[in-house]
C-alpha atoms as a PDB file:
ATOM      1  CA  MET A   1     -87.527  36.613  -4.552  1.00  0.00           C
ATOM      2  CA  THR A   2     -90.095  34.597  -3.127  1.00  0.00           C
ATOM      3  CA  GLU A   3     -93.763  35.061  -3.393  1.00  0.00           C
ATOM      4  CA  GLN A   4     -95.824  36.591  -0.398  1.00  0.00           C
ATOM      5  CA  ILE A   5     -99.178  35.853   0.469  1.00  0.00           C
ATOM      6  CA  PHE A   6    -101.526  38.219   2.578  1.00  0.00           C
ATOM      7  CA  VAL A   7    -104.174  37.089   4.673  1.00  0.00           C
ATOM      8  CA  ASP A   8    -106.441  38.820   6.906  1.00  0.00           C
ATOM      9  CA  GLN A   9    -106.781  35.712   9.173  1.00  0.00           C
ATOM     10  CA  ILE A  10    -106.843  32.305   9.439  1.00  0.00           C
ATOM     11  CA  VAL A  11    -110.913  31.062   9.260  1.00  0.00           C
ATOM     12  CA  ASP A  12    -110.575  27.292   9.877  1.00  0.00           C
ATOM     13  CA  ILE A  13    -108.318  24.902  10.987  1.00  0.00           C
ATOM     14  CA  ALA A  14    -109.186  20.924  10.118  1.00  0.00           C
ATOM     15  CA  VAL A  15    -106.956  17.947  10.960  1.00  0.00           C
ATOM     16  CA  THR A  16    -107.526  15.055   8.626  1.00  0.00           C
ATOM     17  CA  GLY A  17    -105.116  11.721   8.106  1.00  0.00           C
ATOM     18  CA  GLY A  18    -101.985  13.065  10.038  1.00  0.00           C
ATOM     19  CA  VAL A  19    -101.870  16.856   8.584  1.00  0.00           C
ATOM     20  CA  VAL A  20    -103.432  20.171   9.576  1.00  0.00           C
ATOM     21  CA  ARG A  21    -105.108  22.406   7.071  1.00  0.00           C
ATOM     22  CA  LEU A  22    -105.635  26.060   7.895  1.00  0.00           C
ATOM     23  CA  ASP A  23    -107.928  28.226   5.500  1.00  0.00           C
ATOM     24  CA  LEU A  24    -106.825  31.694   4.900  1.00  0.00           C
ATOM     25  CA  ALA A  25    -108.840  34.515   4.173  1.00  0.00           C
ATOM     26  CA  THR A  26    -109.174  38.002   3.211  1.00  0.00           C
ATOM     27  CA  LEU A  27    -111.578  40.753   3.413  1.00  0.00           C
ATOM     28  CA  SER A  28    -113.414  41.292   0.077  1.00  0.00           C
ATOM     29  CA  PRO A  29    -113.464  44.151  -1.724  1.00  0.00           C
ATOM     30  CA  THR A  30    -117.124  43.892  -2.927  1.00  0.00           C
ATOM     31  CA  GLU A  31    -119.041  41.550  -0.467  1.00  0.00           C
ATOM     32  CA  ARG A  32    -120.565  42.684   2.379  1.00  0.00           C
ATOM     33  CA  GLY A  33    -121.733  41.067   5.762  1.00  0.00           C
ATOM     34  CA  ALA A  34    -124.975  41.390   7.209  1.00  0.00           C
ATOM     35  CA  ASP A  35    -123.380  44.399   9.178  1.00  0.00           C
ATOM     36  CA  GLY A  36    -122.315  46.002   6.300  1.00  0.00           C
ATOM     37  CA  LYS A  37    -118.607  45.339   6.732  1.00  0.00           C
ATOM     38  CA  PRO A  38    -116.444  43.355   4.224  1.00  0.00           C
ATOM     39  CA  ALA A  39    -117.148  39.652   4.435  1.00  0.00           C
ATOM     40  CA  LEU A  40    -114.132  37.289   4.764  1.00  0.00           C
ATOM     41  CA  GLN A  41    -113.576  35.262   1.507  1.00  0.00           C
ATOM     42  CA  PHE A  42    -111.475  32.040   1.647  1.00  0.00           C
ATOM     43  CA  ARG A  43    -108.491  32.610  -0.431  1.00  0.00           C
ATOM     44  CA  GLN A  44    -105.956  29.570   0.141  1.00  0.00           C
ATOM     45  CA  ARG A  45    -104.996  26.784   2.371  1.00  0.00           C
ATOM     46  CA  VAL A  46    -101.800  25.525   4.073  1.00  0.00           C
ATOM     47  CA  VAL A  47    -101.310  21.978   4.527  1.00  0.00           C
ATOM     48  CA  MET A  48     -98.706  20.653   7.140  1.00  0.00           C
ATOM     49  CA  PRO A  49     -97.951  17.632   8.980  1.00  0.00           C
ATOM     50  CA  ILE A  50     -99.400  17.699  12.530  1.00  0.00           C
ATOM     51  CA  ASP A  51     -95.651  18.021  14.131  1.00  0.00           C
ATOM     52  CA  GLY A  52     -94.964  20.989  12.010  1.00  0.00           C
ATOM     53  CA  PHE A  53     -98.078  22.651  13.048  1.00  0.00           C
ATOM     54  CA  LEU A  54     -97.161  22.046  16.560  1.00  0.00           C
ATOM     55  CA  LYS A  55     -93.769  23.339  16.333  1.00  0.00           C
ATOM     56  CA  SER A  56     -95.192  26.580  14.875  1.00  0.00           C
ATOM     57  CA  GLU A  57     -96.787  27.135  18.138  1.00  0.00           C
ATOM     58  CA  GLY A  58     -93.492  28.090  19.819  1.00  0.00           C
ATOM     59  CA  ILE A  59     -92.400  30.769  17.214  1.00  0.00           C
ATOM     60  CA  ILE A  60     -95.973  32.374  17.289  1.00  0.00           C
ATOM     61  CA  GLN A  61     -95.788  32.350  20.974  1.00  0.00           C
ATOM     62  CA  ARG A  62     -92.463  33.958  20.876  1.00  0.00           C
ATOM     63  CA  MET A  63     -93.611  36.533  18.487  1.00  0.00           C
ATOM     64  CA  ILE A  64     -96.809  37.239  20.767  1.00  0.00           C
ATOM     65  CA  ASP A  65     -94.121  37.796  23.260  1.00  0.00           C
ATOM     66  CA  VAL A  66     -92.137  40.415  21.539  1.00  0.00           C
ATOM     67  CA  LEU A  67     -95.115  42.186  20.418  1.00  0.00           C
ATOM     68  CA  VAL A  68     -96.125  42.764  24.282  1.00  0.00           C
ATOM     69  CA  GLU A  69     -92.900  43.800  25.079  1.00  0.00           C
ATOM     70  CA  ARG A  70     -92.933  46.450  22.440  1.00  0.00           C
ATOM     71  CA  GLY A  71     -96.358  47.390  23.389  1.00  0.00           C
ATOM     72  CA  VAL A  72     -97.882  46.532  20.039  1.00  0.00           C
ATOM     73  CA  VAL A  73    -100.519  44.405  21.677  1.00  0.00           C
ATOM     74  CA  THR A  74    -101.501  44.050  25.522  1.00  0.00           C
ATOM     75  CA  ARG A  75    -102.582  40.947  27.156  1.00  0.00           C
ATOM     76  CA  ASN A  76    -105.814  40.551  29.061  1.00  0.00           C
ATOM     77  CA  PRO A  77    -105.846  39.843  32.432  1.00  0.00           C
ATOM     78  CA  PRO A  78    -107.287  36.029  33.261  1.00  0.00           C
ATOM     79  CA  ALA A  79    -110.865  36.139  33.760  1.00  0.00           C
ATOM     80  CA  LYS A  80    -112.025  35.635  37.747  1.00  0.00           C
ATOM     81  CA  PRO A  81    -113.726  32.696  38.529  1.00  0.00           C
ATOM     82  CA  GLN A  82    -117.461  33.345  39.447  1.00  0.00           C
END
């Protein structure tokens, strides 16, 4: 079996020298933010070529569409211009 990595969210994306760096974070079991909620802590970084990152957008969008179809998430209507 391959190793699995759990993260709560991507906290930063940087592009340097033809590669994209995705910084991943988890909620801390001990550190708290000013609001008293668990603080995010950097855990790992994914480094990939720009074309790989761009190709990932398509698969992420397809999964978002599946989640919307299943009712797991809803799309917000576009904001009306003021």
